[in-house]
């Protein structure tokens, strides 16, 4: 028999919706993908653990956070509130270089 665990590992969107009552849209300037990028860009100290989870019908790698840790929960709350209060989170993420780390394919002629 397994012993119950007090640990709660949630993705940032799950935390925002279930713990803070926020509605995180699928598209637009304050959408789900940018919320996750916001947390990873401006609050990397909150964690880097990933799991494969079902997201909108597709298995994806999702960052999850130790929401049972009061410091992590407080950090996520602050990050989420800042994200939704920001007038243009996309511009802030671009300025912070959040989208420059993606690999670009280079074609080589032989």
PDB file of N, CA and C in Angstrom:
ATOM      1  N   UNK A   1       0.837  -1.183   0.000  1.00  0.00           N
ATOM      2  CA  UNK A   1       0.000   0.000   0.000  1.00  0.00           C
ATOM      3  C   UNK A   1       0.883   1.249   0.000  1.00  0.00           C
ATOM      4  N   UNK A   2       0.583   2.183  -0.872  1.00  0.00           N
ATOM      5  CA  UNK A   2       1.358   3.418  -0.946  1.00  0.00           C
ATOM      6  C   UNK A   2       0.933   4.391   0.149  1.00  0.00           C
ATOM      7  N   UNK A   3       1.904   5.098   0.676  1.00  0.00           N
ATOM      8  CA  UNK A   3       1.579   6.124   1.655  1.00  0.00           C
ATOM      9  C   UNK A   3       1.236   7.410   0.925  1.00  0.00           C
ATOM     10  N   UNK A   4       0.261   8.145   1.421  1.00  0.00           N
ATOM     11  CA  UNK A   4      -0.111   9.384   0.741  1.00  0.00           C
ATOM     12  C   UNK A   4       1.016  10.411   0.802  1.00  0.00           C
ATOM     13  N   UNK A   5       1.111  11.193  -0.229  1.00  0.00           N
ATOM     14  CA  UNK A   5       2.157  12.215  -0.317  1.00  0.00           C
ATOM     15  C   UNK A   5       1.530  13.597  -0.192  1.00  0.00           C
ATOM     16  N   UNK A   6       2.225  14.468   0.459  1.00  0.00           N
ATOM     17  CA  UNK A   6       1.757  15.846   0.596  1.00  0.00           C
ATOM     18  C   UNK A   6       2.256  16.728  -0.546  1.00  0.00           C
ATOM     19  N   UNK A   7       3.045  16.131  -1.435  1.00  0.00           N
ATOM     20  CA  UNK A   7       3.595  16.916  -2.540  1.00  0.00           C
ATOM     21  C   UNK A   7       2.523  17.205  -3.581  1.00  0.00           C
ATOM     22  N   UNK A   8       2.572  18.411  -4.133  1.00  0.00           N
ATOM     23  CA  UNK A   8       1.657  18.805  -5.212  1.00  0.00           C
ATOM     24  C   UNK A   8       2.492  19.456  -6.298  1.00  0.00           C
ATOM     25  N   UNK A   9       2.616  18.778  -7.423  1.00  0.00           N
ATOM     26  CA  UNK A   9       3.368  19.278  -8.559  1.00  0.00           C
ATOM     27  C   UNK A   9       2.375  19.692  -9.633  1.00  0.00           C
ATOM     28  N   UNK A  10       2.349  20.991  -9.961  1.00  0.00           N
ATOM     29  CA  UNK A  10       1.408  21.518 -10.949  1.00  0.00           C
ATOM     30  C   UNK A  10       2.145  22.308 -12.016  1.00  0.00           C
ATOM     31  N   UNK A  11       1.584  22.311 -13.213  1.00  0.00           N
ATOM     32  CA  UNK A  11       2.040  23.217 -14.246  1.00  0.00           C
ATOM     33  C   UNK A  11       1.545  24.608 -13.909  1.00  0.00           C
ATOM     34  N   UNK A  12       2.158  25.614 -14.486  1.00  0.00           N
ATOM     35  CA  UNK A  12       1.813  26.991 -14.149  1.00  0.00           C
ATOM     36  C   UNK A  12       0.366  27.325 -14.525  1.00  0.00           C
ATOM     37  N   UNK A  13      -0.125  26.795 -15.634  1.00  0.00           N
ATOM     38  CA  UNK A  13      -1.509  27.067 -16.028  1.00  0.00           C
ATOM     39  C   UNK A  13      -2.470  26.411 -15.028  1.00  0.00           C
ATOM     40  N   UNK A  14      -2.177  25.165 -14.638  1.00  0.00           N
ATOM     41  CA  UNK A  14      -3.013  24.508 -13.628  1.00  0.00           C
ATOM     42  C   UNK A  14      -3.043  25.309 -12.335  1.00  0.00           C
ATOM     43  N   UNK A  15      -1.875  25.784 -11.913  1.00  0.00           N
ATOM     44  CA  UNK A  15      -1.794  26.571 -10.690  1.00  0.00           C
ATOM     45  C   UNK A  15      -2.609  27.850 -10.824  1.00  0.00           C
ATOM     46  N   UNK A  16      -2.453  28.544 -11.941  1.00  0.00           N
ATOM     47  CA  UNK A  16      -3.171  29.809 -12.153  1.00  0.00           C
ATOM     48  C   UNK A  16      -4.679  29.589 -12.127  1.00  0.00           C
ATOM     49  N   UNK A  17      -5.133  28.528 -12.758  1.00  0.00           N
ATOM     50  CA  UNK A  17      -6.573  28.302 -12.848  1.00  0.00           C
ATOM     51  C   UNK A  17      -7.157  27.696 -11.571  1.00  0.00           C
ATOM     52  N   UNK A  18      -6.491  26.699 -10.999  1.00  0.00           N
ATOM     53  CA  UNK A  18      -7.069  26.024  -9.832  1.00  0.00           C
ATOM     54  C   UNK A  18      -6.819  26.754  -8.516  1.00  0.00           C
ATOM     55  N   UNK A  19      -5.661  27.385  -8.383  1.00  0.00           N
ATOM     56  CA  UNK A  19      -5.323  28.033  -7.111  1.00  0.00           C
ATOM     57  C   UNK A  19      -5.655  29.520  -7.075  1.00  0.00           C
ATOM     58  N   UNK A  20      -5.567  30.183  -8.225  1.00  0.00           N
ATOM     59  CA  UNK A  20      -5.786  31.635  -8.255  1.00  0.00           C
ATOM     60  C   UNK A  20      -7.079  32.034  -8.956  1.00  0.00           C
ATOM     61  N   UNK A  21      -7.756  31.065  -9.549  1.00  0.00           N
ATOM     62  CA  UNK A  21      -9.029  31.365 -10.214  1.00  0.00           C
ATOM     63  C   UNK A  21      -8.890  32.156 -11.497  1.00  0.00           C
ATOM     64  N   UNK A  22      -7.705  32.147 -12.097  1.00  0.00           N
ATOM     65  CA  UNK A  22      -7.476  32.861 -13.360  1.00  0.00           C
ATOM     66  C   UNK A  22      -7.952  32.007 -14.518  1.00  0.00           C
ATOM     67  N   UNK A  23      -8.431  32.635 -15.551  1.00  0.00           N
ATOM     68  CA  UNK A  23      -8.764  31.943 -16.804  1.00  0.00           C
ATOM     69  C   UNK A  23      -7.635  32.252 -17.767  1.00  0.00           C
ATOM     70  N   UNK A  24      -6.882  31.226 -18.141  1.00  0.00           N
ATOM     71  CA  UNK A  24      -5.735  31.409 -19.031  1.00  0.00           C
ATOM     72  C   UNK A  24      -6.173  31.010 -20.439  1.00  0.00           C
ATOM     73  N   UNK A  25      -6.268  31.975 -21.360  1.00  0.00           N
ATOM     74  CA  UNK A  25      -6.784  31.680 -22.698  1.00  0.00           C
ATOM     75  C   UNK A  25      -5.828  30.845 -23.543  1.00  0.00           C
ATOM     76  N   UNK A  26      -6.388  30.215 -24.569  1.00  0.00           N
ATOM     77  CA  UNK A  26      -5.605  29.406 -25.499  1.00  0.00           C
ATOM     78  C   UNK A  26      -4.858  30.255 -26.517  1.00  0.00           C
ATOM     79  N   UNK A  27      -5.314  31.481 -26.732  1.00  0.00           N
ATOM     80  CA  UNK A  27      -4.639  32.364 -27.681  1.00  0.00           C
ATOM     81  C   UNK A  27      -4.779  33.804 -27.216  1.00  0.00           C
ATOM     82  N   UNK A  28      -4.036  34.696 -27.853  1.00  0.00           N
ATOM     83  CA  UNK A  28      -4.033  36.105 -27.462  1.00  0.00           C
ATOM     84  C   UNK A  28      -2.748  36.453 -26.741  1.00  0.00           C
ATOM     85  N   UNK A  29      -2.627  37.697 -26.291  1.00  0.00           N
ATOM     86  CA  UNK A  29      -1.369  38.161 -25.694  1.00  0.00           C
ATOM     87  C   UNK A  29      -1.078  37.530 -24.338  1.00  0.00           C
ATOM     88  N   UNK A  30      -2.096  37.143 -23.606  1.00  0.00           N
ATOM     89  CA  UNK A  30      -1.894  36.549 -22.284  1.00  0.00           C
ATOM     90  C   UNK A  30      -2.228  35.060 -22.315  1.00  0.00           C
ATOM     91  N   UNK A  31      -1.751  34.360 -23.338  1.00  0.00           N
ATOM     92  CA  UNK A  31      -2.147  32.965 -23.507  1.00  0.00           C
ATOM     93  C   UNK A  31      -1.216  32.008 -22.759  1.00  0.00           C
ATOM     94  N   UNK A  32      -1.628  30.750 -22.725  1.00  0.00           N
ATOM     95  CA  UNK A  32      -0.968  29.713 -21.926  1.00  0.00           C
ATOM     96  C   UNK A  32       0.526  29.569 -22.183  1.00  0.00           C
ATOM     97  N   UNK A  33       0.921  29.515 -23.434  1.00  0.00           N
ATOM     98  CA  UNK A  33       2.339  29.335 -23.750  1.00  0.00           C
ATOM     99  C   UNK A  33       3.196  30.470 -23.247  1.00  0.00           C
ATOM    100  N   UNK A  34       2.694  31.683 -23.364  1.00  0.00           N
ATOM    101  CA  UNK A  34       3.478  32.823 -22.900  1.00  0.00           C
ATOM    102  C   UNK A  34       3.538  32.888 -21.376  1.00  0.00           C
ATOM    103  N   UNK A  35       2.509  32.395 -20.701  1.00  0.00           N
ATOM    104  CA  UNK A  35       2.552  32.367 -19.238  1.00  0.00           C
ATOM    105  C   UNK A  35       3.683  31.443 -18.774  1.00  0.00           C
ATOM    106  N   UNK A  36       3.785  30.269 -19.367  1.00  0.00           N
ATOM    107  CA  UNK A  36       4.869  29.357 -19.007  1.00  0.00           C
ATOM    108  C   UNK A  36       6.234  29.946 -19.320  1.00  0.00           C
ATOM    109  N   UNK A  37       6.349  30.603 -20.474  1.00  0.00           N
ATOM    110  CA  UNK A  37       7.613  31.231 -20.858  1.00  0.00           C
ATOM    111  C   UNK A  37       7.953  32.362 -19.898  1.00  0.00           C
ATOM    112  N   UNK A  38       6.949  33.108 -19.455  1.00  0.00           N
ATOM    113  CA  UNK A  38       7.143  34.207 -18.494  1.00  0.00           C
ATOM    114  C   UNK A  38       7.777  33.668 -17.208  1.00  0.00           C
ATOM    115  N   UNK A  39       7.221  32.600 -16.691  1.00  0.00           N
ATOM    116  CA  UNK A  39       7.733  32.030 -15.438  1.00  0.00           C
ATOM    117  C   UNK A  39       9.155  31.516 -15.635  1.00  0.00           C
ATOM    118  N   UNK A  40       9.406  30.799 -16.722  1.00  0.00           N
ATOM    119  CA  UNK A  40      10.761  30.264 -16.958  1.00  0.00           C
ATOM    120  C   UNK A  40      11.777  31.376 -17.210  1.00  0.00           C
ATOM    121  N   UNK A  41      11.341  32.485 -17.820  1.00  0.00           N
ATOM    122  CA  UNK A  41      12.260  33.580 -18.135  1.00  0.00           C
ATOM    123  C   UNK A  41      12.567  34.443 -16.921  1.00  0.00           C
ATOM    124  N   UNK A  42      11.527  34.866 -16.206  1.00  0.00           N
ATOM    125  CA  UNK A  42      11.708  35.830 -15.126  1.00  0.00           C
ATOM    126  C   UNK A  42      11.807  35.198 -13.730  1.00  0.00           C
ATOM    127  N   UNK A  43      11.451  33.924 -13.615  1.00  0.00           N
ATOM    128  CA  UNK A  43      11.487  33.238 -12.318  1.00  0.00           C
ATOM    129  C   UNK A  43      12.096  31.833 -12.445  1.00  0.00           C
ATOM    130  N   UNK A  44      13.282  31.715 -13.020  1.00  0.00           N
ATOM    131  CA  UNK A  44      13.873  30.383 -13.220  1.00  0.00           C
ATOM    132  C   UNK A  44      14.172  29.656 -11.912  1.00  0.00           C
ATOM    133  N   UNK A  45      14.314  30.387 -10.826  1.00  0.00           N
ATOM    134  CA  UNK A  45      14.625  29.784  -9.532  1.00  0.00           C
ATOM    135  C   UNK A  45      13.471  28.942  -8.981  1.00  0.00           C
ATOM    136  N   UNK A  46      12.288  29.039  -9.590  1.00  0.00           N
ATOM    137  CA  UNK A  46      11.141  28.286  -9.086  1.00  0.00           C
ATOM    138  C   UNK A  46      11.189  26.804  -9.453  1.00  0.00           C
ATOM    139  N   UNK A  47      12.049  26.450 -10.396  1.00  0.00           N
ATOM    140  CA  UNK A  47      12.200  25.038 -10.710  1.00  0.00           C
ATOM    141  C   UNK A  47      12.390  24.786 -12.190  1.00  0.00           C
ATOM    142  N   UNK A  48      12.850  23.561 -12.485  1.00  0.00           N
ATOM    143  CA  UNK A  48      13.083  23.195 -13.888  1.00  0.00           C
ATOM    144  C   UNK A  48      12.660  21.753 -14.166  1.00  0.00           C
ATOM    145  N   UNK A  49      11.828  21.209 -13.301  1.00  0.00           N
ATOM    146  CA  UNK A  49      11.367  19.823 -13.483  1.00  0.00           C
ATOM    147  C   UNK A  49      10.315  19.765 -14.599  1.00  0.00           C
ATOM    148  N   UNK A  50      10.429  18.732 -15.441  1.00  0.00           N
ATOM    149  CA  UNK A  50       9.483  18.565 -16.536  1.00  0.00           C
ATOM    150  C   UNK A  50       8.868  17.174 -16.491  1.00  0.00           C
ATOM    151  N   UNK A  51       7.642  17.096 -16.967  1.00  0.00           N
ATOM    152  CA  UNK A  51       6.934  15.823 -17.118  1.00  0.00           C
ATOM    153  C   UNK A  51       6.195  15.853 -18.436  1.00  0.00           C
ATOM    154  N   UNK A  52       5.929  14.687 -18.985  1.00  0.00           N
ATOM    155  CA  UNK A  52       5.063  14.605 -20.154  1.00  0.00           C
ATOM    156  C   UNK A  52       3.630  14.551 -19.663  1.00  0.00           C
ATOM    157  N   UNK A  53       2.814  15.469 -20.165  1.00  0.00           N
ATOM    158  CA  UNK A  53       1.409  15.537 -19.775  1.00  0.00           C
ATOM    159  C   UNK A  53       0.550  15.747 -21.007  1.00  0.00           C
ATOM    160  N   UNK A  54      -0.715  15.399 -20.873  1.00  0.00           N
ATOM    161  CA  UNK A  54      -1.667  15.597 -21.948  1.00  0.00           C
ATOM    162  C   UNK A  54      -2.138  17.043 -21.921  1.00  0.00           C
ATOM    163  N   UNK A  55      -1.857  17.787 -23.006  1.00  0.00           N
ATOM    164  CA  UNK A  55      -2.223  19.191 -23.116  1.00  0.00           C
ATOM    165  C   UNK A  55      -3.057  19.366 -24.373  1.00  0.00           C
ATOM    166  N   UNK A  56      -4.304  19.709 -24.201  1.00  0.00           N
ATOM    167  CA  UNK A  56      -5.214  19.900 -25.336  1.00  0.00           C
ATOM    168  C   UNK A  56      -5.164  18.716 -26.305  1.00  0.00           C
ATOM    169  N   UNK A  57      -5.151  17.518 -25.759  1.00  0.00           N
ATOM    170  CA  UNK A  57      -5.189  16.316 -26.573  1.00  0.00           C
ATOM    171  C   UNK A  57      -3.855  15.834 -27.117  1.00  0.00           C
ATOM    172  N   UNK A  58      -2.751  16.489 -26.750  1.00  0.00           N
ATOM    173  CA  UNK A  58      -1.433  16.124 -27.247  1.00  0.00           C
ATOM    174  C   UNK A  58      -0.468  15.951 -26.075  1.00  0.00           C
ATOM    175  N   UNK A  59       0.320  14.882 -26.100  1.00  0.00           N
ATOM    176  CA  UNK A  59       1.359  14.699 -25.085  1.00  0.00           C
ATOM    177  C   UNK A  59       2.447  15.745 -25.305  1.00  0.00           C
ATOM    178  N   UNK A  60       2.765  16.505 -24.261  1.00  0.00           N
ATOM    179  CA  UNK A  60       3.803  17.531 -24.348  1.00  0.00           C
ATOM    180  C   UNK A  60       4.637  17.525 -23.079  1.00  0.00           C
ATOM    181  N   UNK A  61       5.853  17.993 -23.213  1.00  0.00           N
ATOM    182  CA  UNK A  61       6.707  18.193 -22.054  1.00  0.00           C
ATOM    183  C   UNK A  61       6.266  19.498 -21.383  1.00  0.00           C
ATOM    184  N   UNK A  62       5.955  19.413 -20.087  1.00  0.00           N
ATOM    185  CA  UNK A  62       5.444  20.566 -19.348  1.00  0.00           C
ATOM    186  C   UNK A  62       6.320  20.781 -18.118  1.00  0.00           C
ATOM    187  N   UNK A  63       6.664  22.034 -17.849  1.00  0.00           N
ATOM    188  CA  UNK A  63       7.367  22.360 -16.612  1.00  0.00           C
ATOM    189  C   UNK A  63       6.356  22.276 -15.470  1.00  0.00           C
ATOM    190  N   UNK A  64       6.753  21.622 -14.390  1.00  0.00           N
ATOM    191  CA  UNK A  64       5.880  21.522 -13.225  1.00  0.00           C
ATOM    192  C   UNK A  64       6.617  22.082 -12.014  1.00  0.00           C
ATOM    193  N   UNK A  65       5.837  22.581 -11.073  1.00  0.00           N
ATOM    194  CA  UNK A  65       6.395  23.298  -9.935  1.00  0.00           C
ATOM    195  C   UNK A  65       5.909  22.695  -8.619  1.00  0.00           C
ATOM    196  N   UNK A  66       6.768  22.727  -7.622  1.00  0.00           N
ATOM    197  CA  UNK A  66       6.484  22.166  -6.295  1.00  0.00           C
ATOM    198  C   UNK A  66       5.562  23.116  -5.530  1.00  0.00           C
ATOM    199  N   UNK A  67       4.275  23.038  -5.836  1.00  0.00           N
ATOM    200  CA  UNK A  67       3.299  23.963  -5.251  1.00  0.00           C
ATOM    201  C   UNK A  67       3.062  23.713  -3.768  1.00  0.00           C
ATOM    202  N   UNK A  68       3.551  22.584  -3.253  1.00  0.00           N
ATOM    203  CA  UNK A  68       3.477  22.297  -1.823  1.00  0.00           C
ATOM    204  C   UNK A  68       4.500  23.126  -1.044  1.00  0.00           C
ATOM    205  N   UNK A  69       5.490  23.679  -1.728  1.00  0.00           N
ATOM    206  CA  UNK A  69       6.509  24.526  -1.106  1.00  0.00           C
ATOM    207  C   UNK A  69       5.967  25.959  -1.075  1.00  0.00           C
ATOM    208  N   UNK A  70       5.786  26.538   0.113  1.00  0.00           N
ATOM    209  CA  UNK A  70       5.214  27.887   0.198  1.00  0.00           C
ATOM    210  C   UNK A  70       5.994  28.945  -0.590  1.00  0.00           C
ATOM    211  N   UNK A  71       7.316  28.817  -0.651  1.00  0.00           N
ATOM    212  CA  UNK A  71       8.120  29.794  -1.396  1.00  0.00           C
ATOM    213  C   UNK A  71       7.847  29.692  -2.902  1.00  0.00           C
ATOM    214  N   UNK A  72       7.687  28.472  -3.409  1.00  0.00           N
ATOM    215  CA  UNK A  72       7.395  28.270  -4.831  1.00  0.00           C
ATOM    216  C   UNK A  72       5.993  28.764  -5.135  1.00  0.00           C
ATOM    217  N   UNK A  73       5.026  28.443  -4.284  1.00  0.00           N
ATOM    218  CA  UNK A  73       3.644  28.899  -4.491  1.00  0.00           C
ATOM    219  C   UNK A  73       3.570  30.423  -4.488  1.00  0.00           C
ATOM    220  N   UNK A  74       4.302  31.061  -3.576  1.00  0.00           N
ATOM    221  CA  UNK A  74       4.315  32.526  -3.524  1.00  0.00           C
ATOM    222  C   UNK A  74       4.980  33.106  -4.773  1.00  0.00           C
ATOM    223  N   UNK A  75       6.062  32.478  -5.232  1.00  0.00           N
ATOM    224  CA  UNK A  75       6.737  32.938  -6.441  1.00  0.00           C
ATOM    225  C   UNK A  75       5.865  32.793  -7.679  1.00  0.00           C
ATOM    226  N   UNK A  76       5.163  31.667  -7.789  1.00  0.00           N
ATOM    227  CA  UNK A  76       4.251  31.471  -8.919  1.00  0.00           C
ATOM    228  C   UNK A  76       3.121  32.493  -8.888  1.00  0.00           C
ATOM    229  N   UNK A  77       2.584  32.734  -7.699  1.00  0.00           N
ATOM    230  CA  UNK A  77       1.515  33.727  -7.562  1.00  0.00           C
ATOM    231  C   UNK A  77       1.991  35.094  -8.023  1.00  0.00           C
ATOM    232  N   UNK A  78       3.178  35.495  -7.588  1.00  0.00           N
ATOM    233  CA  UNK A  78       3.731  36.792  -7.987  1.00  0.00           C
ATOM    234  C   UNK A  78       3.953  36.842  -9.499  1.00  0.00           C
ATOM    235  N   UNK A  79       4.525  35.788 -10.064  1.00  0.00           N
ATOM    236  CA  UNK A  79       4.800  35.742 -11.499  1.00  0.00           C
ATOM    237  C   UNK A  79       3.511  35.830 -12.310  1.00  0.00           C
ATOM    238  N   UNK A  80       2.494  35.089 -11.902  1.00  0.00           N
ATOM    239  CA  UNK A  80       1.223  35.071 -12.623  1.00  0.00           C
ATOM    240  C   UNK A  80       0.537  36.426 -12.535  1.00  0.00           C
ATOM    241  N   UNK A  81       0.542  37.025 -11.362  1.00  0.00           N
ATOM    242  CA  UNK A  81      -0.071  38.357 -11.205  1.00  0.00           C
ATOM    243  C   UNK A  81       0.642  39.390 -12.082  1.00  0.00           C
ATOM    244  N   UNK A  82       1.972  39.337 -12.112  1.00  0.00           N
ATOM    245  CA  UNK A  82       2.737  40.260 -12.969  1.00  0.00           C
ATOM    246  C   UNK A  82       2.415  40.045 -14.437  1.00  0.00           C
ATOM    247  N   UNK A  83       2.334  38.790 -14.847  1.00  0.00           N
ATOM    248  CA  UNK A  83       2.037  38.460 -16.236  1.00  0.00           C
ATOM    249  C   UNK A  83       0.700  39.049 -16.661  1.00  0.00           C
ATOM    250  N   UNK A  84      -0.337  38.840 -15.857  1.00  0.00           N
ATOM    251  CA  UNK A  84      -1.662  39.343 -16.234  1.00  0.00           C
ATOM    252  C   UNK A  84      -1.780  40.852 -16.090  1.00  0.00           C
ATOM    253  N   UNK A  85      -0.953  41.469 -15.261  1.00  0.00           N
ATOM    254  CA  UNK A  85      -0.985  42.924 -15.109  1.00  0.00           C
ATOM    255  C   UNK A  85      -0.203  43.633 -16.208  1.00  0.00           C
ATOM    256  N   UNK A  86       0.686  42.912 -16.871  1.00  0.00           N
ATOM    257  CA  UNK A  86       1.531  43.531 -17.895  1.00  0.00           C
ATOM    258  C   UNK A  86       0.704  43.834 -19.143  1.00  0.00           C
ATOM    259  N   UNK A  87       0.858  45.044 -19.701  1.00  0.00           N
ATOM    260  CA  UNK A  87       0.066  45.404 -20.886  1.00  0.00           C
ATOM    261  C   UNK A  87       0.461  44.642 -22.148  1.00  0.00           C
ATOM    262  N   UNK A  88       1.728  44.204 -22.241  1.00  0.00           N
ATOM    263  CA  UNK A  88       2.170  43.496 -23.435  1.00  0.00           C
ATOM    264  C   UNK A  88       3.247  42.478 -23.056  1.00  0.00           C
ATOM    265  N   UNK A  89       2.830  41.329 -22.524  1.00  0.00           N
ATOM    266  CA  UNK A  89       3.832  40.347 -22.091  1.00  0.00           C
ATOM    267  C   UNK A  89       4.685  39.816 -23.236  1.00  0.00           C
ATOM    268  N   UNK A  90       4.148  39.764 -24.447  1.00  0.00           N
ATOM    269  CA  UNK A  90       4.928  39.285 -25.588  1.00  0.00           C
ATOM    270  C   UNK A  90       6.139  40.178 -25.819  1.00  0.00           C
ATOM    271  N   UNK A  91       5.925  41.484 -25.780  1.00  0.00           N
ATOM    272  CA  UNK A  91       7.027  42.436 -25.973  1.00  0.00           C
ATOM    273  C   UNK A  91       8.060  42.308 -24.852  1.00  0.00           C
ATOM    274  N   UNK A  92       7.600  42.136 -23.629  1.00  0.00           N
ATOM    275  CA  UNK A  92       8.529  41.989 -22.499  1.00  0.00           C
ATOM    276  C   UNK A  92       9.358  40.719 -22.647  1.00  0.00           C
ATOM    277  N   UNK A  93       8.726  39.646 -23.092  1.00  0.00           N
ATOM    278  CA  UNK A  93       9.455  38.389 -23.295  1.00  0.00           C
ATOM    279  C   UNK A  93      10.471  38.521 -24.425  1.00  0.00           C
ATOM    280  N   UNK A  94      10.087  39.187 -25.505  1.00  0.00           N
ATOM    281  CA  UNK A  94      11.022  39.399 -26.621  1.00  0.00           C
ATOM    282  C   UNK A  94      12.207  40.235 -26.159  1.00  0.00           C
ATOM    283  N   UNK A  95      11.937  41.296 -25.400  1.00  0.00           N
ATOM    284  CA  UNK A  95      13.003  42.167 -24.911  1.00  0.00           C
ATOM    285  C   UNK A  95      13.951  41.397 -23.985  1.00  0.00           C
ATOM    286  N   UNK A  96      13.424  40.442 -23.238  1.00  0.00           N
ATOM    287  CA  UNK A  96      14.245  39.639 -22.329  1.00  0.00           C
ATOM    288  C   UNK A  96      14.983  38.510 -23.054  1.00  0.00           C
ATOM    289  N   UNK A  97      14.726  38.361 -24.347  1.00  0.00           N
ATOM    290  CA  UNK A  97      15.407  37.336 -25.128  1.00  0.00           C
ATOM    291  C   UNK A  97      14.822  35.945 -24.963  1.00  0.00           C
ATOM    292  N   UNK A  98      13.566  35.862 -24.545  1.00  0.00           N
ATOM    293  CA  UNK A  98      12.945  34.566 -24.267  1.00  0.00           C
ATOM    294  C   UNK A  98      12.765  33.703 -25.506  1.00  0.00           C
ATOM    295  N   UNK A  99      12.708  34.314 -26.656  1.00  0.00           N
ATOM    296  CA  UNK A  99      12.431  33.546 -27.870  1.00  0.00           C
ATOM    297  C   UNK A  99      13.675  33.334 -28.733  1.00  0.00           C
ATOM    298  N   UNK A 100      14.843  33.734 -28.263  1.00  0.00           N
ATOM    299  CA  UNK A 100      16.056  33.598 -29.071  1.00  0.00           C
ATOM    300  C   UNK A 100      16.762  32.274 -28.860  1.00  0.00           C
ATOM    301  N   UNK A 101      16.358  31.501 -27.853  1.00  0.00           N
ATOM    302  CA  UNK A 101      17.026  30.240 -27.555  1.00  0.00           C
ATOM    303  C   UNK A 101      16.585  29.077 -28.412  1.00  0.00           C
ATOM    304  N   UNK A 102      15.606  29.281 -29.262  1.00  0.00           N
ATOM    305  CA  UNK A 102      15.129  28.184 -30.098  1.00  0.00           C
ATOM    306  C   UNK A 102      16.141  27.886 -31.189  1.00  0.00           C
ATOM    307  N   UNK A 103      16.304  26.609 -31.454  1.00  0.00           N
ATOM    308  CA  UNK A 103      17.246  26.194 -32.481  1.00  0.00           C
ATOM    309  C   UNK A 103      16.708  26.559 -33.851  1.00  0.00           C
ATOM    310  N   UNK A 104      17.584  27.081 -34.679  1.00  0.00           N
ATOM    311  CA  UNK A 104      17.210  27.387 -36.050  1.00  0.00           C
ATOM    312  C   UNK A 104      17.940  26.439 -36.971  1.00  0.00           C
ATOM    313  N   UNK A 105      17.223  25.966 -37.958  1.00  0.00           N
ATOM    314  CA  UNK A 105      17.825  25.036 -38.909  1.00  0.00           C
ATOM    315  C   UNK A 105      18.589  25.819 -39.967  1.00  0.00           C
ATOM    316  N   UNK A 106      19.741  25.322 -40.302  1.00  0.00           N
ATOM    317  CA  UNK A 106      20.562  25.942 -41.336  1.00  0.00           C
ATOM    318  C   UNK A 106      20.749  24.927 -42.445  1.00  0.00           C
ATOM    319  N   UNK A 107      20.456  25.330 -43.651  1.00  0.00           N
ATOM    320  CA  UNK A 107      20.652  24.461 -44.793  1.00  0.00           C
ATOM    321  C   UNK A 107      22.078  24.639 -45.318  1.00  0.00           C
ATOM    322  N   UNK A 108      22.721  23.537 -45.558  1.00  0.00           N
ATOM    323  CA  UNK A 108      24.081  23.568 -46.060  1.00  0.00           C
ATOM    324  C   UNK A 108      24.074  22.987 -47.473  1.00  0.00           C
ATOM    325  N   UNK A 109      24.587  23.777 -48.414  1.00  0.00           N
ATOM    326  CA  UNK A 109      24.680  23.301 -49.796  1.00  0.00           C
ATOM    327  C   UNK A 109      25.924  22.446 -49.946  1.00  0.00           C
ATOM    328  N   UNK A 110      25.774  21.348 -50.665  1.00  0.00           N
ATOM    329  CA  UNK A 110      26.934  20.464 -50.896  1.00  0.00           C
ATOM    330  C   UNK A 110      27.379  20.568 -52.325  1.00  0.00           C
TER     331      UNK A 110
END
